[in-house]
Amino acid sequence: MNAYLVILAQSVATAAIEIIILLLCAGVVGFLSAWFYQKAYFTPIIRKLEEEKEQLNRRIEELNSEISGLKSKISGMENLLAEKEREIQELKNQMKKEG
């Protein structure tokens, strides 16, 4: 009877180990299949987003260069405005002297 219980205990332990191994294998297969599916699904989306990002970065560079050009134009116009205001002041002073 004891020999029968030992064989039964060994087969239960073996079955438990086998079940655990099969569950782990099923988990790995499920994980890998989900990973490959998500990779296949999201890769085109990621590429599209990266292309849009590159286009936006190029647009930002264009706008920054346009801004720097406009800033230099503004500074030139401010200098011109200051010069014209000096001329106006000089003309006003001349008119006061004459009038």
C-alpha atoms as a PDB file:
ATOM      1  CA  MET A   1       0.000   0.000   0.000  1.00  0.00           C
ATOM      2  CA  ASN A   2       2.839   2.391   0.805  1.00  0.00           C
ATOM      3  CA  ALA A   3       4.399   1.797  -2.596  1.00  0.00           C
ATOM      4  CA  TYR A   4       1.079   2.671  -4.201  1.00  0.00           C
ATOM      5  CA  LEU A   5       0.903   5.953  -2.254  1.00  0.00           C
ATOM      6  CA  VAL A   6       4.482   6.834  -3.226  1.00  0.00           C
ATOM      7  CA  ILE A   7       3.708   6.262  -6.918  1.00  0.00           C
ATOM      8  CA  LEU A   8       0.484   8.247  -6.579  1.00  0.00           C
ATOM      9  CA  ALA A   9       2.317  11.096  -4.811  1.00  0.00           C
ATOM     10  CA  GLN A  10       4.992  11.156  -7.489  1.00  0.00           C
ATOM     11  CA  SER A  11       2.425  11.265 -10.254  1.00  0.00           C
ATOM     12  CA  VAL A  12       0.549  14.129  -8.524  1.00  0.00           C
ATOM     13  CA  ALA A  13       3.779  16.086  -8.088  1.00  0.00           C
ATOM     14  CA  THR A  14       4.728  15.366 -11.679  1.00  0.00           C
ATOM     15  CA  ALA A  15       1.303  16.436 -12.862  1.00  0.00           C
ATOM     16  CA  ALA A  16       1.498  19.656 -10.832  1.00  0.00           C
ATOM     17  CA  ILE A  17       4.914  20.464 -12.263  1.00  0.00           C
ATOM     18  CA  GLU A  18       3.667  19.687 -15.764  1.00  0.00           C
ATOM     19  CA  ILE A  19       0.642  21.967 -15.263  1.00  0.00           C
ATOM     20  CA  ILE A  20       2.864  24.783 -14.008  1.00  0.00           C
ATOM     21  CA  ILE A  21       5.224  24.402 -16.969  1.00  0.00           C
ATOM     22  CA  LEU A  22       2.309  24.377 -19.419  1.00  0.00           C
ATOM     23  CA  LEU A  23       0.796  27.483 -17.795  1.00  0.00           C
ATOM     24  CA  LEU A  24       4.125  29.294 -18.038  1.00  0.00           C
ATOM     25  CA  CYS A  25       4.473  28.304 -21.696  1.00  0.00           C
ATOM     26  CA  ALA A  26       0.922  29.492 -22.405  1.00  0.00           C
ATOM     27  CA  GLY A  27       1.716  32.787 -20.694  1.00  0.00           C
ATOM     28  CA  VAL A  28       4.869  33.246 -22.783  1.00  0.00           C
ATOM     29  CA  VAL A  29       2.996  32.416 -26.001  1.00  0.00           C
ATOM     30  CA  GLY A  30       0.215  34.850 -25.069  1.00  0.00           C
ATOM     31  CA  PHE A  31       2.694  37.586 -24.207  1.00  0.00           C
ATOM     32  CA  LEU A  32       4.666  37.143 -27.437  1.00  0.00           C
ATOM     33  CA  SER A  33       1.553  37.032 -29.633  1.00  0.00           C
ATOM     34  CA  ALA A  34       0.193  40.201 -27.987  1.00  0.00           C
ATOM     35  CA  TRP A  35       3.579  41.918 -28.332  1.00  0.00           C
ATOM     36  CA  PHE A  36       3.868  41.086 -32.038  1.00  0.00           C
ATOM     37  CA  TYR A  37       0.264  42.144 -32.646  1.00  0.00           C
ATOM     38  CA  GLN A  38       0.754  45.477 -30.885  1.00  0.00           C
ATOM     39  CA  LYS A  39       4.049  46.000 -32.705  1.00  0.00           C
ATOM     40  CA  ALA A  40       2.393  45.379 -36.065  1.00  0.00           C
ATOM     41  CA  TYR A  41      -0.524  47.644 -35.167  1.00  0.00           C
ATOM     42  CA  PHE A  42       1.376  50.588 -33.712  1.00  0.00           C
ATOM     43  CA  THR A  43       4.482  50.663 -35.933  1.00  0.00           C
ATOM     44  CA  PRO A  44       2.727  52.452 -38.851  1.00  0.00           C
ATOM     45  CA  ILE A  45       1.142  54.910 -36.433  1.00  0.00           C
ATOM     46  CA  ILE A  46       4.511  55.637 -34.835  1.00  0.00           C
ATOM     47  CA  ARG A  47       6.131  56.168 -38.241  1.00  0.00           C
ATOM     48  CA  LYS A  48       3.371  58.551 -39.255  1.00  0.00           C
ATOM     49  CA  LEU A  49       3.754  60.509 -36.024  1.00  0.00           C
ATOM     50  CA  GLU A  50       7.532  60.686 -36.488  1.00  0.00           C
ATOM     51  CA  GLU A  51       7.061  62.057 -40.031  1.00  0.00           C
ATOM     52  CA  GLU A  52       4.622  64.655 -38.732  1.00  0.00           C
ATOM     53  CA  LYS A  53       7.114  65.557 -36.000  1.00  0.00           C
ATOM     54  CA  GLU A  54       9.870  66.061 -38.586  1.00  0.00           C
ATOM     55  CA  GLN A  55       7.580  68.251 -40.703  1.00  0.00           C
ATOM     56  CA  LEU A  56       6.645  70.306 -37.666  1.00  0.00           C
ATOM     57  CA  ASN A  57      10.308  70.697 -36.693  1.00  0.00           C
ATOM     58  CA  ARG A  58      11.105  71.942 -40.206  1.00  0.00           C
ATOM     59  CA  ARG A  59       8.177  74.367 -39.977  1.00  0.00           C
ATOM     60  CA  ILE A  60       9.448  75.567 -36.594  1.00  0.00           C
ATOM     61  CA  GLU A  61      12.880  76.226 -38.107  1.00  0.00           C
ATOM     62  CA  GLU A  62      11.280  78.166 -40.965  1.00  0.00           C
ATOM     63  CA  LEU A  63       9.206  80.216 -38.538  1.00  0.00           C
ATOM     64  CA  ASN A  64      12.232  80.900 -36.324  1.00  0.00           C
ATOM     65  CA  SER A  65      14.198  82.170 -39.299  1.00  0.00           C
ATOM     66  CA  GLU A  66      11.207  84.299 -40.336  1.00  0.00           C
ATOM     67  CA  ILE A  67      10.984  85.672 -36.785  1.00  0.00           C
ATOM     68  CA  SER A  68      14.666  86.601 -36.764  1.00  0.00           C
ATOM     69  CA  GLY A  69      14.217  88.359 -40.116  1.00  0.00           C
ATOM     70  CA  LEU A  70      11.225  90.246 -38.795  1.00  0.00           C
ATOM     71  CA  LYS A  71      13.106  91.211 -35.630  1.00  0.00           C
ATOM     72  CA  SER A  72      15.925  92.689 -37.678  1.00  0.00           C
ATOM     73  CA  LYS A  73      13.361  94.517 -39.818  1.00  0.00           C
ATOM     74  CA  ILE A  74      11.682  95.864 -36.673  1.00  0.00           C
ATOM     75  CA  SER A  75      14.986  97.100 -35.263  1.00  0.00           C
ATOM     76  CA  GLY A  76      15.709  98.824 -38.584  1.00  0.00           C
ATOM     77  CA  MET A  77      12.301 100.457 -38.539  1.00  0.00           C
ATOM     78  CA  GLU A  78      12.774 101.549 -34.916  1.00  0.00           C
ATOM     79  CA  ASN A  79      16.040 103.205 -35.901  1.00  0.00           C
ATOM     80  CA  LEU A  80      14.306 104.887 -38.827  1.00  0.00           C
ATOM     81  CA  LEU A  81      11.481 106.012 -36.542  1.00  0.00           C
ATOM     82  CA  ALA A  82      13.939 107.493 -34.055  1.00  0.00           C
ATOM     83  CA  GLU A  83      15.686 109.330 -36.895  1.00  0.00           C
ATOM     84  CA  LYS A  84      12.389 110.687 -38.226  1.00  0.00           C
ATOM     85  CA  GLU A  85      11.343 111.785 -34.729  1.00  0.00           C
ATOM     86  CA  ARG A  86      14.631 113.695 -34.403  1.00  0.00           C
ATOM     87  CA  GLU A  87      13.989 115.336 -37.774  1.00  0.00           C
ATOM     88  CA  ILE A  88      10.465 116.279 -36.685  1.00  0.00           C
ATOM     89  CA  GLN A  89      11.807 117.744 -33.457  1.00  0.00           C
ATOM     90  CA  GLU A  90      14.453 119.708 -35.370  1.00  0.00           C
ATOM     91  CA  LEU A  91      11.794 121.037 -37.757  1.00  0.00           C
ATOM     92  CA  LYS A  92       9.605 122.044 -34.810  1.00  0.00           C
ATOM     93  CA  ASN A  93      12.543 123.836 -33.229  1.00  0.00           C
ATOM     94  CA  GLN A  94      13.238 125.632 -36.530  1.00  0.00           C
ATOM     95  CA  MET A  95       9.590 126.666 -36.806  1.00  0.00           C
ATOM     96  CA  LYS A  96       9.651 128.050 -33.253  1.00  0.00           C
ATOM     97  CA  LYS A  97      12.769 130.065 -34.044  1.00  0.00           C
ATOM     98  CA  GLU A  98      11.249 131.428 -37.263  1.00  0.00           C
ATOM     99  CA  GLY A  99       7.782 132.021 -35.912  1.00  0.00           C
END
